């Protein structure tokens, strides 16, 4: 299943779910609020949500939580100059994988 073959409302709903989850992630929100990624920190957090959505629809997609953990870690490090070691990256990755699985179960 690809982005182009999916119902636009379903994709929009998944994007909102990803954004909501990221908005509840204290470490990321602290980086955004304090503009650790510069004046465009909010846009960078939106880009992270888009990158996650895009990854979900790749043929190989994040089949393992570790793949998503690496994406989150690299994004925080490169976009926000932030290294979070409180275990939240792993928790967020697990929750994102659950969102992905629920989505594909519902619409596949």
Protein backbone atom coordinates (compact mmCIF):
# COMPACT_ATOMS: atom_id res chain seq x y z
CA UNK A 1 0.00 0.00 0.00
CA UNK A 2 1.42 3.39 -0.99
CA UNK A 3 0.52 6.96 -0.18
CA UNK A 4 -0.89 7.46 -3.67
CA UNK A 5 -3.34 4.54 -3.35
CA UNK A 6 -4.62 5.45 0.12
CA UNK A 7 -7.69 7.44 1.03
CA UNK A 8 -6.57 11.02 1.67
CA UNK A 9 -8.76 11.28 4.78
CA UNK A 10 -7.21 8.13 6.24
CA UNK A 11 -3.70 9.46 5.60
CA UNK A 12 -4.65 12.81 7.10
CA UNK A 13 -5.96 11.05 10.19
CA UNK A 14 -2.72 9.07 10.58
CA UNK A 15 -0.69 12.28 10.18
CA UNK A 16 -2.77 13.90 12.91
CA UNK A 17 -2.20 10.89 15.18
CA UNK A 18 1.57 11.10 14.59
CA UNK A 19 1.56 14.85 15.25
CA UNK A 20 -0.49 14.39 18.42
CA UNK A 21 1.92 11.78 19.72
CA UNK A 22 4.92 14.01 18.96
CA UNK A 23 3.19 16.96 20.64
CA UNK A 24 2.96 14.90 23.83
CA UNK A 25 6.66 14.00 23.79
CA UNK A 26 8.17 16.20 26.48
CA UNK A 27 11.74 16.04 25.14
CA UNK A 28 10.77 17.15 21.65
CA UNK A 29 8.43 19.84 22.91
CA UNK A 30 11.16 21.21 25.18
CA UNK A 31 13.47 21.42 22.15
CA UNK A 32 10.77 23.19 20.13
CA UNK A 33 9.77 25.59 22.90
CA UNK A 34 13.37 26.58 23.58
CA UNK A 35 14.16 26.73 19.86
CA UNK A 36 17.13 24.39 20.17
CA UNK A 37 16.74 23.82 16.45
CA UNK A 38 16.71 27.53 15.71
CA UNK A 39 13.84 29.87 14.91
CA UNK A 40 12.25 27.20 12.70
CA UNK A 41 12.11 24.53 15.41
CA UNK A 42 8.34 24.17 15.12
CA UNK A 43 8.62 23.59 11.38
CA UNK A 44 11.32 20.99 12.03
CA UNK A 45 8.99 19.12 14.37
CA UNK A 46 6.32 19.16 11.65
CA UNK A 47 8.91 17.86 9.19
CA UNK A 48 9.70 15.01 11.59
CA UNK A 49 6.01 14.03 11.57
CA UNK A 50 6.04 14.09 7.75
CA UNK A 51 9.21 12.00 7.65
CA UNK A 52 7.63 9.40 9.93
CA UNK A 53 4.48 9.28 7.80
CA UNK A 54 6.57 8.88 4.65
CA UNK A 55 8.60 6.10 6.27
CA UNK A 56 5.43 4.23 7.19
CA UNK A 57 4.54 3.90 3.51
CA UNK A 58 7.92 2.77 2.24
CA UNK A 59 8.05 -0.82 1.00
CA UNK A 60 10.34 -1.82 3.85
CA UNK A 61 8.91 0.67 6.35
CA UNK A 62 9.91 0.58 10.00
CA UNK A 63 9.37 -3.09 10.62
CA UNK A 64 11.39 -2.90 13.81
CA UNK A 65 11.14 -0.38 16.59
CA UNK A 66 14.91 0.14 16.35
CA UNK A 67 14.57 1.59 12.84
CA UNK A 68 12.20 4.23 14.11
CA UNK A 69 14.33 4.85 17.21
CA UNK A 70 17.27 5.61 14.92
CA UNK A 71 15.18 8.06 12.87
CA UNK A 72 14.00 9.86 16.02
CA UNK A 73 17.46 9.96 17.56
CA UNK A 74 19.11 11.27 14.38
CA UNK A 75 16.39 13.86 13.86
CA UNK A 76 16.74 15.20 17.39
CA UNK A 77 20.50 15.26 17.14
CA UNK A 78 20.73 16.84 13.69
CA UNK A 79 17.68 19.12 13.73
CA UNK A 80 17.62 20.17 17.38
CA UNK A 81 21.17 19.50 18.58
CA UNK A 82 19.54 17.42 21.30
CA UNK A 83 20.53 14.04 22.68
CA UNK A 84 17.74 12.51 24.75
CA UNK A 85 18.73 9.56 26.92
CA UNK A 86 15.69 9.28 29.20
CA UNK A 87 14.16 6.28 27.42
CA UNK A 88 11.51 8.41 25.74
CA UNK A 89 12.83 7.79 22.23
CA UNK A 90 12.17 4.09 22.67
CA UNK A 91 8.72 4.74 24.14
CA UNK A 92 7.73 7.10 21.34
CA UNK A 93 9.02 4.67 18.71
CA UNK A 94 6.98 1.84 20.21
CA UNK A 95 3.84 3.99 20.25
CA UNK A 96 4.44 5.05 16.65
CA UNK A 97 4.78 1.42 15.58
CA UNK A 98 1.48 0.71 17.32
CA UNK A 99 -0.14 3.59 15.40
CA UNK A 100 1.23 2.20 12.15
CA UNK A 101 -0.01 -1.32 12.88
CA UNK A 102 -3.47 -0.07 13.88
CA UNK A 103 -3.69 2.03 10.74
CA UNK A 104 -2.72 -0.78 8.36
CA UNK A 105 -4.99 -3.20 10.18
CA UNK A 106 -7.91 -0.79 9.81
CA UNK A 107 -7.31 0.20 6.18
CA UNK A 108 -5.68 -2.85 4.66
